[in-house]
């Protein structure tokens, strides 16, 4: 005699109770929810009848996850690129932690300027710094 698992479980055994596995990420719709967002589908508990526990996990370095839906992946790129800006005496700013490759180096006041994904060219207006009433030929 053979025991076979009922759907959605998978597994069978001869002359014994079957060990059923319910991998919700094997479901094409669940898997596509994650993969179309560039994420990995993970079912942490494949025992039957455990359902609706599958998660979408962002790719490293983000560690964000969401249950039964795509996650909003977040990562502050300044964690990786701060040294690029600091080496030029500037600060790193990541204006949107969900958008890749948008970090910027910004000049430290009173200098001004910023540059995406690289050190900025900092400009210093001496008239502003010196608080001059009039400055000749300042451009």
C-alpha atoms as a PDB file:
ATOM      1  CA  UNK A   1       0.000   0.000   0.000  1.00  0.00           C
ATOM      2  CA  UNK A   2       1.109   3.565  -0.673  1.00  0.00           C
ATOM      3  CA  UNK A   3       0.258   6.797   1.107  1.00  0.00           C
ATOM      4  CA  UNK A   4       0.234   9.884  -1.105  1.00  0.00           C
ATOM      5  CA  UNK A   5      -0.155  13.470   0.041  1.00  0.00           C
ATOM      6  CA  UNK A   6      -3.187  15.524  -0.945  1.00  0.00           C
ATOM      7  CA  UNK A   7      -2.531  18.711  -2.931  1.00  0.00           C
ATOM      8  CA  UNK A   8      -0.872  21.092  -2.356  1.00  0.00           C
ATOM      9  CA  UNK A   9       1.337  18.652  -0.434  1.00  0.00           C
ATOM     10  CA  UNK A  10       3.976  16.614  -2.222  1.00  0.00           C
ATOM     11  CA  UNK A  11       5.247  13.242  -1.052  1.00  0.00           C
ATOM     12  CA  UNK A  12       4.469   9.561  -0.785  1.00  0.00           C
ATOM     13  CA  UNK A  13       5.581   6.481   1.100  1.00  0.00           C
ATOM     14  CA  UNK A  14       5.153   2.746   0.727  1.00  0.00           C
ATOM     15  CA  UNK A  15       3.759   0.873   3.728  1.00  0.00           C
ATOM     16  CA  UNK A  16       4.074   3.998   5.902  1.00  0.00           C
ATOM     17  CA  UNK A  17       2.600   7.413   6.431  1.00  0.00           C
ATOM     18  CA  UNK A  18       3.859   9.913   3.874  1.00  0.00           C
ATOM     19  CA  UNK A  19       5.838  12.973   4.902  1.00  0.00           C
ATOM     20  CA  UNK A  20       4.106  15.791   3.048  1.00  0.00           C
ATOM     21  CA  UNK A  21       5.900  18.929   1.949  1.00  0.00           C
ATOM     22  CA  UNK A  22       4.007  22.109   1.069  1.00  0.00           C
ATOM     23  CA  UNK A  23       6.467  24.508  -0.549  1.00  0.00           C
ATOM     24  CA  UNK A  24       4.384  27.563  -1.357  1.00  0.00           C
ATOM     25  CA  UNK A  25       7.240  28.972  -3.447  1.00  0.00           C
ATOM     26  CA  UNK A  26       6.748  26.070  -5.860  1.00  0.00           C
ATOM     27  CA  UNK A  27       3.464  27.773  -6.744  1.00  0.00           C
ATOM     28  CA  UNK A  28       4.159  29.757  -9.923  1.00  0.00           C
ATOM     29  CA  UNK A  29       2.112  32.803  -8.864  1.00  0.00           C
ATOM     30  CA  UNK A  30       3.771  33.056  -5.449  1.00  0.00           C
ATOM     31  CA  UNK A  31       7.241  32.629  -6.938  1.00  0.00           C
ATOM     32  CA  UNK A  32       6.527  35.210  -9.678  1.00  0.00           C
ATOM     33  CA  UNK A  33       5.407  37.741  -7.056  1.00  0.00           C
ATOM     34  CA  UNK A  34       8.953  37.711  -5.717  1.00  0.00           C
ATOM     35  CA  UNK A  35      11.043  37.079  -8.825  1.00  0.00           C
ATOM     36  CA  UNK A  36       9.399  39.824 -10.914  1.00  0.00           C
ATOM     37  CA  UNK A  37      10.469  42.251  -8.166  1.00  0.00           C
ATOM     38  CA  UNK A  38      14.033  40.891  -8.322  1.00  0.00           C
ATOM     39  CA  UNK A  39      13.598  39.048  -5.017  1.00  0.00           C
ATOM     40  CA  UNK A  40      13.792  35.467  -3.774  1.00  0.00           C
ATOM     41  CA  UNK A  41      10.767  33.473  -2.626  1.00  0.00           C
ATOM     42  CA  UNK A  42      11.322  31.544   0.616  1.00  0.00           C
ATOM     43  CA  UNK A  43       8.876  29.255   2.411  1.00  0.00           C
ATOM     44  CA  UNK A  44      10.263  28.998   5.962  1.00  0.00           C
ATOM     45  CA  UNK A  45       7.846  26.249   7.042  1.00  0.00           C
ATOM     46  CA  UNK A  46       7.140  23.656   4.368  1.00  0.00           C
ATOM     47  CA  UNK A  47       5.079  21.429   6.637  1.00  0.00           C
ATOM     48  CA  UNK A  48       1.488  20.837   5.612  1.00  0.00           C
ATOM     49  CA  UNK A  49      -0.990  22.399   6.108  1.00  0.00           C
ATOM     50  CA  UNK A  50       1.081  25.505   7.036  1.00  0.00           C
ATOM     51  CA  UNK A  51       0.133  28.132   4.454  1.00  0.00           C
ATOM     52  CA  UNK A  52       0.520  31.837   3.787  1.00  0.00           C
ATOM     53  CA  UNK A  53       3.924  32.013   5.447  1.00  0.00           C
ATOM     54  CA  UNK A  54       6.027  32.396   2.278  1.00  0.00           C
ATOM     55  CA  UNK A  55       8.138  35.540   2.062  1.00  0.00           C
ATOM     56  CA  UNK A  56       9.827  37.655  -0.570  1.00  0.00           C
ATOM     57  CA  UNK A  57      13.396  38.497   0.415  1.00  0.00           C
ATOM     58  CA  UNK A  58      15.417  41.339  -1.087  1.00  0.00           C
ATOM     59  CA  UNK A  59      18.831  40.667  -2.576  1.00  0.00           C
ATOM     60  CA  UNK A  60      21.855  41.587  -0.449  1.00  0.00           C
ATOM     61  CA  UNK A  61      22.902  43.924   0.909  1.00  0.00           C
ATOM     62  CA  UNK A  62      19.277  44.707   1.809  1.00  0.00           C
ATOM     63  CA  UNK A  63      17.772  42.328   4.352  1.00  0.00           C
ATOM     64  CA  UNK A  64      14.162  43.466   3.981  1.00  0.00           C
ATOM     65  CA  UNK A  65      11.428  40.825   3.672  1.00  0.00           C
ATOM     66  CA  UNK A  66       7.655  40.793   3.349  1.00  0.00           C
ATOM     67  CA  UNK A  67       5.111  38.010   3.917  1.00  0.00           C
ATOM     68  CA  UNK A  68       3.024  36.958   0.864  1.00  0.00           C
ATOM     69  CA  UNK A  69       3.996  40.050  -1.168  1.00  0.00           C
ATOM     70  CA  UNK A  70       7.029  41.732  -2.669  1.00  0.00           C
ATOM     71  CA  UNK A  71       9.180  43.571  -0.151  1.00  0.00           C
ATOM     72  CA  UNK A  72      10.248  47.209  -0.335  1.00  0.00           C
ATOM     73  CA  UNK A  73      13.991  46.768  -0.519  1.00  0.00           C
ATOM     74  CA  UNK A  74      15.965  49.402   1.350  1.00  0.00           C
ATOM     75  CA  UNK A  75      19.692  50.006   1.640  1.00  0.00           C
ATOM     76  CA  UNK A  76      21.588  53.172   2.479  1.00  0.00           C
ATOM     77  CA  UNK A  77      24.252  53.203  -0.223  1.00  0.00           C
ATOM     78  CA  UNK A  78      26.385  55.488   1.918  1.00  0.00           C
ATOM     79  CA  UNK A  79      27.180  52.366   3.954  1.00  0.00           C
ATOM     80  CA  UNK A  80      29.220  51.333   0.899  1.00  0.00           C
ATOM     81  CA  UNK A  81      30.312  54.704  -0.541  1.00  0.00           C
ATOM     82  CA  UNK A  82      30.857  57.018   2.427  1.00  0.00           C
ATOM     83  CA  UNK A  83      34.651  56.670   2.125  1.00  0.00           C
ATOM     84  CA  UNK A  84      34.574  58.066  -1.420  1.00  0.00           C
ATOM     85  CA  UNK A  85      33.063  61.303  -0.146  1.00  0.00           C
ATOM     86  CA  UNK A  86      35.016  61.479   3.129  1.00  0.00           C
ATOM     87  CA  UNK A  87      38.302  61.184   1.225  1.00  0.00           C
ATOM     88  CA  UNK A  88      37.498  64.590  -0.335  1.00  0.00           C
ATOM     89  CA  UNK A  89      36.168  66.143   2.900  1.00  0.00           C
ATOM     90  CA  UNK A  90      32.553  65.749   1.785  1.00  0.00           C
ATOM     91  CA  UNK A  91      29.475  63.999   3.153  1.00  0.00           C
ATOM     92  CA  UNK A  92      27.582  61.133   1.557  1.00  0.00           C
ATOM     93  CA  UNK A  93      23.814  61.393   1.142  1.00  0.00           C
ATOM     94  CA  UNK A  94      21.454  58.685  -0.138  1.00  0.00           C
ATOM     95  CA  UNK A  95      18.186  60.537  -0.847  1.00  0.00           C
ATOM     96  CA  UNK A  96      16.136  57.386  -1.537  1.00  0.00           C
ATOM     97  CA  UNK A  97      17.051  54.082   0.100  1.00  0.00           C
ATOM     98  CA  UNK A  98      14.865  52.138  -2.349  1.00  0.00           C
ATOM     99  CA  UNK A  99      16.588  53.410  -5.520  1.00  0.00           C
ATOM    100  CA  UNK A 100      20.014  52.014  -6.441  1.00  0.00           C
ATOM    101  CA  UNK A 101      22.918  54.182  -7.621  1.00  0.00           C
ATOM    102  CA  UNK A 102      21.519  57.517  -6.433  1.00  0.00           C
ATOM    103  CA  UNK A 103      23.972  58.346  -3.624  1.00  0.00           C
ATOM    104  CA  UNK A 104      25.680  61.734  -3.759  1.00  0.00           C
ATOM    105  CA  UNK A 105      28.714  63.474  -2.341  1.00  0.00           C
ATOM    106  CA  UNK A 106      27.831  66.903  -0.947  1.00  0.00           C
ATOM    107  CA  UNK A 107      30.188  69.707  -0.035  1.00  0.00           C
ATOM    108  CA  UNK A 108      30.376  70.850   3.564  1.00  0.00           C
ATOM    109  CA  UNK A 109      29.094  74.419   4.104  1.00  0.00           C
ATOM    110  CA  UNK A 110      30.003  77.126   3.525  1.00  0.00           C
ATOM    111  CA  UNK A 111      31.148  75.459   0.277  1.00  0.00           C
ATOM    112  CA  UNK A 112      28.401  74.323  -2.057  1.00  0.00           C
ATOM    113  CA  UNK A 113      28.042  71.601  -4.647  1.00  0.00           C
ATOM    114  CA  UNK A 114      27.051  67.982  -5.045  1.00  0.00           C
ATOM    115  CA  UNK A 115      27.687  65.150  -7.473  1.00  0.00           C
ATOM    116  CA  UNK A 116      25.891  61.861  -8.016  1.00  0.00           C
ATOM    117  CA  UNK A 117      27.986  58.725  -7.406  1.00  0.00           C
ATOM    118  CA  UNK A 118      31.307  60.614  -7.189  1.00  0.00           C
ATOM    119  CA  UNK A 119      33.056  63.398  -5.260  1.00  0.00           C
ATOM    120  CA  UNK A 120      31.638  66.863  -5.944  1.00  0.00           C
ATOM    121  CA  UNK A 121      33.399  69.963  -7.198  1.00  0.00           C
ATOM    122  CA  UNK A 122      32.984  72.307  -4.252  1.00  0.00           C
ATOM    123  CA  UNK A 123      32.586  76.026  -4.798  1.00  0.00           C
ATOM    124  CA  UNK A 124      33.255  78.614  -2.135  1.00  0.00           C
ATOM    125  CA  UNK A 125      31.839  82.134  -2.473  1.00  0.00           C
ATOM    126  CA  UNK A 126      34.172  84.323  -0.418  1.00  0.00           C
ATOM    127  CA  UNK A 127      31.638  87.153  -0.324  1.00  0.00           C
ATOM    128  CA  UNK A 128      29.218  84.916   1.543  1.00  0.00           C
ATOM    129  CA  UNK A 129      31.940  83.587   3.846  1.00  0.00           C
ATOM    130  CA  UNK A 130      33.396  87.014   4.637  1.00  0.00           C
ATOM    131  CA  UNK A 131      29.949  88.639   4.859  1.00  0.00           C
ATOM    132  CA  UNK A 132      31.112  91.455   2.586  1.00  0.00           C
ATOM    133  CA  UNK A 133      28.699  94.262   1.796  1.00  0.00           C
ATOM    134  CA  UNK A 134      30.154  94.549  -1.711  1.00  0.00           C
ATOM    135  CA  UNK A 135      32.555  92.322  -3.587  1.00  0.00           C
ATOM    136  CA  UNK A 136      34.157  93.420  -6.823  1.00  0.00           C
ATOM    137  CA  UNK A 137      34.598  90.959  -9.663  1.00  0.00           C
ATOM    138  CA  UNK A 138      33.258  87.983  -7.715  1.00  0.00           C
ATOM    139  CA  UNK A 139      31.854  85.332 -10.002  1.00  0.00           C
END
